[in-house]
């Protein structure tokens, strides 16, 4: 049993077969003697279908050594979000909204996916698992979800302590003038617990034992989205350690339609290998039937990874690193496949704001860098390198 399980996240454009690939990887882990949990943040819950077993709210054995968890979002939502939701419903009711409308308005956007991640963190904390496999929602939802903990941390660290003090001071006035309830300490504590939980998720998924695998099919639109996803995941500090090309037509066959597909896919695969190098690119053939059940999935996993060890710890430089040499400190952030024209960098106080395409990350600088000014910055070899030196104004745009 491992104190820090190997955590593997699978994501990709909807319909590329990421659930099947995630299930095959989890089944292979169990076959190799690793106690494995597989869970989905995708509300479609098709993992149980792929494994050919019923889903249960708590981890249940789907095959020897393999456990499946299908999060009961209603129950988990009450545990993680209930106190906050009840307060919000009460305020809306005091303002004259009926109970049904109030309940609908207080459902946290993306709540089911967020709750699945909080439940996942709780499972990792038990220490039961050697490998945890996560079948993520389609790409866009995954990126929003993985960006949430850090974005929430930025707001909470600035707002929550002062909000707690302000609520205590203004409570009598608000009750008298607005005639609505103000949050009690229990509600504020619930918000802090949710914040702490999400930061624990962030620490887990961006940690040294976790990595993301991009699943794609060799088609132009899908490959283009995977490239953007690779850049965006790296921007938020998540390590990508492999690409899986699914539904690849085997060579051979004489009919013109099949030859056309084989040639087109070969061109896209060559582009994938060139774009994502040095990441390994694993291929899955277009199977004559959908693999369902542990036996079929384990066979697919063996073919998918071959002689490679898909559960080895990730290697190479982490997405974000800080080094020091003499009087110069360098912050290095992975932005693979990013176009220089789409990257923007700004400094505001103790924060560094990095924009890559349509995604933005606000990096709270550690004390060693916050006291220094940006000397220069460059994007080369797939990494944004920002050098800091002592002295000078440090709130200018870099």
Protein backbone atom coordinates (compact mmCIF):
# COMPACT_ATOMS: atom_id res chain seq x y z
CA UNK A 1 0.00 0.00 0.00
CA UNK A 2 1.42 3.38 -0.99
CA UNK A 3 1.33 6.45 1.29
CA UNK A 4 1.10 8.61 -1.83
CA UNK A 5 -0.84 6.83 -4.56
CA UNK A 6 -0.10 7.31 -8.24
CA UNK A 7 -2.88 9.57 -9.55
CA UNK A 8 -3.75 9.50 -13.27
CA UNK A 9 -6.29 11.84 -14.88
CA UNK A 10 -7.69 11.17 -18.36
CA UNK A 11 -9.31 13.92 -20.38
CA UNK A 12 -10.01 14.81 -23.99
CA UNK A 13 -12.64 16.10 -26.33
CA UNK A 14 -16.06 14.50 -25.85
CA UNK A 15 -16.48 11.25 -27.76
CA UNK A 16 -12.80 10.29 -28.14
CA UNK A 17 -13.09 7.25 -25.85
CA UNK A 18 -11.37 8.57 -22.71
CA UNK A 19 -13.65 6.53 -20.41
CA UNK A 20 -12.64 3.28 -22.13
CA UNK A 21 -8.94 4.23 -21.95
CA UNK A 22 -9.24 5.20 -18.26
CA UNK A 23 -11.04 1.94 -17.46
CA UNK A 24 -8.42 -0.09 -19.38
CA UNK A 25 -5.58 1.62 -17.48
CA UNK A 26 -7.26 1.02 -14.11
CA UNK A 27 -7.95 -2.64 -14.96
CA UNK A 28 -4.33 -3.13 -16.02
CA UNK A 29 -3.12 -1.63 -12.72
CA UNK A 30 -5.25 -4.09 -10.75
CA UNK A 31 -4.01 -7.01 -12.88
CA UNK A 32 -0.45 -5.99 -11.96
CA UNK A 33 -1.20 -6.25 -8.25
CA UNK A 34 -1.84 -2.57 -7.51
CA UNK A 35 -4.88 -1.77 -5.39
CA UNK A 36 -6.74 0.59 -7.70
CA UNK A 37 -9.63 3.02 -7.41
CA UNK A 38 -11.29 4.38 -10.55
CA UNK A 39 -13.71 7.29 -10.26
CA UNK A 40 -15.34 9.74 -12.66
CA UNK A 41 -15.85 13.51 -12.44
CA UNK A 42 -18.03 13.24 -15.54
CA UNK A 43 -21.72 13.29 -14.60
CA UNK A 44 -22.46 10.83 -17.42
CA UNK A 45 -21.12 8.02 -15.17
CA UNK A 46 -20.29 5.67 -18.08
CA UNK A 47 -17.43 4.02 -16.21
CA UNK A 48 -19.78 1.43 -14.71
CA UNK A 49 -21.02 0.59 -18.20
CA UNK A 50 -17.46 0.11 -19.47
CA UNK A 51 -16.62 -2.20 -16.57
CA UNK A 52 -19.91 -4.05 -16.89
CA UNK A 53 -20.80 -3.63 -13.20
CA UNK A 54 -23.29 -1.49 -11.28
CA UNK A 55 -21.96 1.77 -9.83
CA UNK A 56 -22.14 2.38 -6.07
CA UNK A 57 -21.68 5.54 -3.94
CA UNK A 58 -18.83 3.93 -1.98
CA UNK A 59 -15.90 2.07 -3.59
CA UNK A 60 -17.03 -1.42 -4.57
CA UNK A 61 -15.02 -4.21 -6.16
CA UNK A 62 -15.44 -4.40 -9.93
CA UNK A 63 -12.66 -6.98 -10.40
CA UNK A 64 -9.90 -8.41 -8.19
CA UNK A 65 -7.96 -5.41 -6.85
CA UNK A 66 -10.10 -2.91 -8.81
CA UNK A 67 -12.68 -0.70 -7.10
CA UNK A 68 -15.17 1.65 -8.75
CA UNK A 69 -16.76 4.66 -7.08
CA UNK A 70 -19.73 6.45 -8.60
CA UNK A 71 -20.15 9.49 -6.34
CA UNK A 72 -23.63 10.05 -4.91
CA UNK A 73 -23.63 13.77 -5.60
CA UNK A 74 -26.83 14.52 -3.67
CA UNK A 75 -25.49 13.01 -0.46
CA UNK A 76 -21.99 14.40 -0.93
CA UNK A 77 -23.38 17.82 -1.83
CA UNK A 78 -25.22 17.96 1.48
CA UNK A 79 -22.04 17.07 3.36
CA UNK A 80 -19.77 19.60 1.63
CA UNK A 81 -22.15 22.38 0.59
CA UNK A 82 -25.25 21.93 2.78
CA UNK A 83 -24.67 24.62 5.41
CA UNK A 84 -23.82 27.27 2.81
CA UNK A 85 -26.79 26.30 0.67
CA UNK A 86 -29.22 26.40 3.58
CA UNK A 87 -28.06 29.91 4.49
CA UNK A 88 -28.47 31.13 0.89
CA UNK A 89 -31.92 29.53 0.64
CA UNK A 90 -32.95 31.26 3.88
CA UNK A 91 -31.87 34.68 2.63
CA UNK A 92 -33.75 34.21 -0.67
CA UNK A 93 -36.84 33.07 1.22
CA UNK A 94 -36.67 36.21 3.39
CA UNK A 95 -36.59 38.22 0.17
CA UNK A 96 -39.85 36.59 -0.90
CA UNK A 97 -38.78 33.74 -3.18
CA UNK A 98 -40.59 30.43 -2.83
CA UNK A 99 -38.61 27.47 -1.49
CA UNK A 100 -38.36 25.61 -4.82
CA UNK A 101 -36.96 28.62 -6.67
CA UNK A 102 -34.59 29.39 -3.80
CA UNK A 103 -33.23 25.84 -3.87
CA UNK A 104 -32.69 25.98 -7.64
CA UNK A 105 -30.83 29.29 -7.41
CA UNK A 106 -28.44 28.04 -4.75
CA UNK A 107 -27.10 25.00 -6.58
CA UNK A 108 -23.39 25.58 -7.03
CA UNK A 109 -22.46 25.71 -10.76
CA UNK A 110 -20.42 22.62 -11.59
CA UNK A 111 -21.26 21.27 -8.12
CA UNK A 112 -21.31 17.60 -9.12
CA UNK A 113 -17.82 17.70 -10.61
CA UNK A 114 -16.46 19.71 -7.65
CA UNK A 115 -18.00 17.28 -5.17
CA UNK A 116 -16.50 14.32 -7.04
CA UNK A 117 -13.05 15.88 -6.59
CA UNK A 118 -13.64 16.48 -2.87
CA UNK A 119 -14.75 12.86 -2.48
CA UNK A 120 -11.65 11.76 -4.39
CA UNK A 121 -9.40 13.66 -2.00
CA UNK A 122 -11.13 11.96 0.93
CA UNK A 123 -10.45 8.56 -0.65
CA UNK A 124 -6.76 9.35 -1.19
CA UNK A 125 -6.50 10.44 2.45
CA UNK A 126 -7.57 6.93 3.56
CA UNK A 127 -4.26 5.51 2.31
CA UNK A 128 -6.03 2.45 0.84
CA UNK A 129 -4.92 2.88 -2.77
CA UNK A 130 -1.77 2.36 -4.82
CA UNK A 131 -3.26 3.86 -7.99
CA UNK A 132 -6.18 6.26 -8.44
CA UNK A 133 -7.56 6.72 -11.97
CA UNK A 134 -9.86 9.66 -12.72
CA UNK A 135 -12.09 9.73 -15.77
CA UNK A 136 -12.50 13.47 -16.21
CA UNK A 137 -15.26 15.41 -17.89
CA UNK A 138 -14.65 16.62 -21.48
CA UNK A 139 -11.79 19.07 -21.95
CA UNK A 140 -13.48 22.45 -21.46
CA UNK A 141 -15.21 21.37 -18.24
CA UNK A 142 -12.00 19.77 -16.96
CA UNK A 143 -10.01 22.98 -17.47
CA UNK A 144 -12.61 25.07 -15.66
CA UNK A 145 -12.68 22.56 -12.85
CA UNK A 146 -8.90 22.33 -12.44
CA UNK A 147 -8.58 26.14 -12.48
CA UNK A 148 -11.21 26.53 -9.74
CA UNK A 149 -9.19 25.75 -6.56
CA UNK A 150 -6.45 28.30 -7.25
CA UNK A 151 -8.92 30.97 -8.41
CA UNK A 152 -11.03 30.42 -5.29
CA UNK A 153 -7.89 30.57 -3.13
CA UNK A 154 -7.07 34.01 -4.55
CA UNK A 155 -10.50 35.36 -3.62
CA UNK A 156 -10.83 33.64 -0.25
CA UNK A 157 -7.44 34.76 1.04
CA UNK A 158 -8.38 38.36 0.30
CA UNK A 159 -12.05 38.36 1.18
CA UNK A 160 -12.85 35.82 3.87
CA UNK A 161 -10.91 37.20 6.88
CA UNK A 162 -12.16 40.75 6.30
CA UNK A 163 -15.65 39.49 5.44
CA UNK A 164 -15.85 37.67 8.78
CA UNK A 165 -14.90 40.87 10.65
CA UNK A 166 -17.19 43.01 8.52
CA UNK A 167 -20.18 40.72 9.05
CA UNK A 168 -19.75 40.90 12.81
CA UNK A 169 -19.61 44.71 12.70
CA UNK A 170 -22.52 45.20 10.28
CA UNK A 171 -24.83 42.41 11.42
CA UNK A 172 -27.14 44.64 13.51
CA UNK A 173 -27.41 47.22 10.71
CA UNK A 174 -28.09 44.60 8.02
CA UNK A 175 -30.77 42.94 10.14
CA UNK A 176 -32.44 46.29 10.84
CA UNK A 177 -32.19 47.93 7.39
CA UNK A 178 -32.19 45.04 4.91
CA UNK A 179 -34.19 42.69 7.16
CA UNK A 180 -32.24 39.64 6.04
CA UNK A 181 -30.07 37.22 7.99
CA UNK A 182 -26.31 37.57 7.98
CA UNK A 183 -24.03 34.53 7.89
CA UNK A 184 -23.16 33.14 11.30
CA UNK A 185 -19.68 31.87 12.18
CA UNK A 186 -20.78 28.33 11.33
CA UNK A 187 -21.58 29.36 7.76
CA UNK A 188 -18.26 31.18 7.39
CA UNK A 189 -16.47 28.11 8.79
CA UNK A 190 -18.26 25.92 6.23
CA UNK A 191 -16.97 28.19 3.46
CA UNK A 192 -13.47 27.91 4.87
CA UNK A 193 -13.74 24.09 5.04
CA UNK A 194 -14.81 23.93 1.39
CA UNK A 195 -11.93 26.22 0.46
CA UNK A 196 -9.46 24.05 2.40
CA UNK A 197 -10.86 20.94 0.73
CA UNK A 198 -10.46 22.36 -2.76
CA UNK A 199 -6.90 23.45 -2.03
CA UNK A 200 -6.22 19.89 -0.88
CA UNK A 201 -7.53 18.71 -4.27
CA UNK A 202 -5.23 21.19 -5.98
CA UNK A 203 -2.22 20.00 -3.97
CA UNK A 204 -3.04 16.39 -4.83
CA UNK A 205 -3.62 16.81 -8.57
CA UNK A 206 -0.69 19.19 -9.15
CA UNK A 207 1.62 17.17 -6.88
CA UNK A 208 4.63 15.03 -7.78
CA UNK A 209 2.62 11.76 -7.94
CA UNK A 210 -0.12 12.99 -10.30
CA UNK A 211 -0.25 13.50 -14.06
CA UNK A 212 -2.72 13.98 -16.88
CA UNK A 213 -3.03 11.88 -20.04
CA UNK A 214 -4.62 13.42 -23.11
CA UNK A 215 -6.86 11.14 -25.13
CA UNK A 216 -7.49 12.04 -28.76
CA UNK A 217 -8.45 10.58 -32.09
CA UNK A 218 -6.22 11.33 -35.12
CA UNK A 219 -8.48 14.02 -36.62
CA UNK A 220 -7.57 17.64 -37.31
CA UNK A 221 -10.14 19.28 -35.00
CA UNK A 222 -9.46 16.89 -32.12
CA UNK A 223 -5.68 17.24 -32.38
CA UNK A 224 -5.95 21.04 -32.45
CA UNK A 225 -7.99 21.01 -29.22
CA UNK A 226 -5.54 18.60 -27.57
CA UNK A 227 -2.68 20.97 -28.36
CA UNK A 228 -4.51 23.88 -26.71
CA UNK A 229 -5.39 21.67 -23.74
CA UNK A 230 -1.74 20.70 -23.26
CA UNK A 231 -0.75 24.37 -23.05
CA UNK A 232 -3.63 25.27 -20.71
CA UNK A 233 -3.07 22.36 -18.31
CA UNK A 234 0.60 23.31 -18.06
CA UNK A 235 -0.34 26.96 -17.43
CA UNK A 236 -2.32 25.87 -14.36
CA UNK A 237 0.56 23.70 -13.13
CA UNK A 238 -0.75 20.23 -14.08
CA UNK A 239 1.78 17.80 -15.51
CA UNK A 240 0.90 15.99 -18.76
CA UNK A 241 2.90 12.77 -19.12
CA UNK A 242 1.46 11.14 -22.21
CA UNK A 243 -0.87 11.21 -25.20
CA UNK A 244 -3.15 8.37 -26.23
CA UNK A 245 -4.34 8.23 -29.83
CA UNK A 246 -7.51 6.16 -29.91
CA UNK A 247 -9.37 4.46 -32.78
CA UNK A 248 -6.40 4.21 -35.13
CA UNK A 249 -7.16 2.26 -38.32
CA UNK A 250 -4.67 -0.60 -38.82
CA UNK A 251 -2.79 -0.61 -42.09
CA UNK A 252 -3.84 -3.03 -44.82
CA UNK A 253 -7.07 -3.63 -46.62
CA UNK A 254 -7.75 -2.88 -50.23
CA UNK A 255 -10.86 -0.70 -50.29
CA UNK A 256 -10.38 2.97 -51.15
CA UNK A 257 -12.43 4.30 -48.20
CA UNK A 258 -10.22 2.55 -45.66
CA UNK A 259 -6.99 3.57 -47.42
CA UNK A 260 -8.16 7.19 -47.24
CA UNK A 261 -8.69 6.96 -43.49
CA UNK A 262 -5.35 5.22 -42.91
CA UNK A 263 -3.45 7.88 -44.88
CA UNK A 264 -5.24 10.79 -43.18
CA UNK A 265 -4.69 9.32 -39.73
CA UNK A 266 -1.02 8.66 -40.48
CA UNK A 267 -0.53 12.36 -41.30
CA UNK A 268 -2.26 13.44 -38.08
CA UNK A 269 -0.30 10.93 -35.99
CA UNK A 270 2.98 12.22 -37.42
CA UNK A 271 1.89 15.74 -36.43
CA UNK A 272 0.93 14.53 -32.93
CA UNK A 273 4.30 12.87 -32.37
CA UNK A 274 6.13 15.97 -33.58
CA UNK A 275 3.98 18.43 -31.60
CA UNK A 276 3.93 16.58 -28.29
CA UNK A 277 7.54 15.34 -28.27
CA UNK A 278 9.12 14.26 -25.97
CA UNK A 279 5.86 12.92 -24.49
CA UNK A 280 5.16 9.28 -25.35
CA UNK A 281 2.29 8.77 -27.80
CA UNK A 282 0.44 5.47 -27.27
CA UNK A 283 -1.97 4.18 -29.90
CA UNK A 284 -5.16 2.15 -29.60
CA UNK A 285 -6.42 0.38 -32.72
CA UNK A 286 -9.95 0.79 -33.99
CA UNK A 287 -11.47 -2.32 -32.41
CA UNK A 288 -14.16 -4.43 -34.11
CA UNK A 289 -16.26 -4.30 -30.91
CA UNK A 290 -16.43 -2.07 -27.84
CA UNK A 291 -14.35 -3.56 -24.98
CA UNK A 292 -16.65 -4.15 -22.00
CA UNK A 293 -15.69 -5.94 -18.80
CA UNK A 294 -12.41 -6.50 -16.97
CA UNK A 295 -10.98 -9.14 -19.33
CA UNK A 296 -11.45 -7.10 -22.51
CA UNK A 297 -10.25 -3.90 -20.82
CA UNK A 298 -7.12 -5.54 -19.40
CA UNK A 299 -6.22 -6.86 -22.88
CA UNK A 300 -6.70 -3.35 -24.27
CA UNK A 301 -4.46 -1.93 -21.52
CA UNK A 302 -1.68 -4.39 -22.35
CA UNK A 303 -1.85 -3.48 -26.03
CA UNK A 304 -2.06 0.24 -25.24
CA UNK A 305 1.08 0.50 -23.10
CA UNK A 306 3.15 -2.43 -24.39
CA UNK A 307 6.46 -2.65 -22.52
CA UNK A 308 6.09 0.81 -20.93
CA UNK A 309 5.26 1.15 -17.22
CA UNK A 310 2.16 3.40 -17.14
CA UNK A 311 2.29 3.62 -13.32
CA UNK A 312 5.89 4.78 -12.89
CA UNK A 313 6.28 8.18 -11.17
CA UNK A 314 6.29 11.11 -13.59
CA UNK A 315 9.73 12.39 -14.54
CA UNK A 316 11.21 15.55 -15.97
CA UNK A 317 10.98 19.19 -14.94
CA UNK A 318 7.76 20.10 -13.09
CA UNK A 319 5.37 22.57 -14.75
CA UNK A 320 6.42 25.36 -12.36
CA UNK A 321 9.86 25.77 -10.82
CA UNK A 322 11.92 28.54 -9.20
CA UNK A 323 15.72 28.58 -9.18
CA UNK A 324 18.29 31.04 -7.84
CA UNK A 325 21.79 31.86 -9.08
CA UNK A 326 23.82 34.64 -7.49
CA UNK A 327 21.45 37.63 -7.25
CA UNK A 328 19.04 36.44 -9.95
CA UNK A 329 15.95 34.31 -9.38
CA UNK A 330 14.19 32.59 -12.29
CA UNK A 331 10.58 31.43 -12.41
CA UNK A 332 10.04 28.81 -15.11
CA UNK A 333 6.51 27.88 -16.21
CA UNK A 334 5.78 25.21 -18.82
CA UNK A 335 3.77 26.55 -21.77
CA UNK A 336 4.28 23.82 -24.40
CA UNK A 337 2.98 24.52 -27.91
CA UNK A 338 2.16 28.12 -26.92
CA UNK A 339 2.46 30.78 -29.60
CA UNK A 340 4.51 33.79 -28.51
CA UNK A 341 1.85 36.16 -29.86
CA UNK A 342 -0.77 34.55 -27.58
CA UNK A 343 1.24 34.85 -24.36
CA UNK A 344 1.02 37.95 -22.19
CA UNK A 345 2.80 38.66 -18.92
CA UNK A 346 2.05 41.37 -16.37
CA UNK A 347 3.21 42.18 -12.84
CA UNK A 348 0.81 43.63 -10.30
CA UNK A 349 2.10 44.00 -6.78
CA UNK A 350 2.98 40.56 -5.42
CA UNK A 351 1.31 38.74 -8.31
CA UNK A 352 2.40 37.63 -11.74
CA UNK A 353 -0.43 37.41 -14.29
CA UNK A 354 0.20 35.00 -17.15
CA UNK A 355 -2.21 34.76 -20.08
CA UNK A 356 -1.96 32.04 -22.71
CA UNK A 357 -4.66 32.27 -25.36
CA UNK A 358 -8.03 32.45 -23.62
CA UNK A 359 -6.73 31.21 -20.25
CA UNK A 360 -5.21 33.26 -17.47
CA UNK A 361 -3.40 32.33 -14.29
CA UNK A 362 -2.66 34.67 -11.40
CA UNK A 363 0.49 33.48 -9.62
CA UNK A 364 0.96 34.70 -6.05
CA UNK A 365 4.72 35.21 -5.87
CA UNK A 366 6.67 33.76 -2.93
CA UNK A 367 8.41 36.26 -0.67
CA UNK A 368 11.80 35.73 -2.36
CA UNK A 369 10.34 36.95 -5.68
CA UNK A 370 7.75 39.42 -4.38
CA UNK A 371 10.55 41.69 -3.11
CA UNK A 372 12.23 41.74 -6.51
CA UNK A 373 11.47 43.34 -9.87
CA UNK A 374 11.08 41.54 -13.19
CA UNK A 375 14.32 41.89 -15.12
CA UNK A 376 13.27 40.14 -18.33
CA UNK A 377 11.09 37.33 -19.67
CA UNK A 378 11.28 34.98 -22.63
CA UNK A 379 9.31 32.09 -24.09
CA UNK A 380 11.64 29.43 -25.45
CA UNK A 381 11.69 25.65 -25.68
CA UNK A 382 8.10 25.49 -24.47
CA UNK A 383 8.78 27.31 -21.19
CA UNK A 384 8.16 30.86 -20.05
CA UNK A 385 11.22 32.01 -18.12
CA UNK A 386 10.91 35.13 -15.98
CA UNK A 387 14.03 36.51 -14.29
CA UNK A 388 13.80 38.62 -11.14
CA UNK A 389 16.48 40.87 -9.68
CA UNK A 390 16.69 42.94 -6.51
CA UNK A 391 15.75 46.62 -6.62
CA UNK A 392 13.56 48.68 -8.91
CA UNK A 393 9.79 49.04 -9.17
CA UNK A 394 8.03 45.71 -9.08
CA UNK A 395 4.51 46.58 -10.10
CA UNK A 396 5.12 47.31 -13.75
CA UNK A 397 4.07 45.22 -16.72
CA UNK A 398 6.78 42.79 -17.74
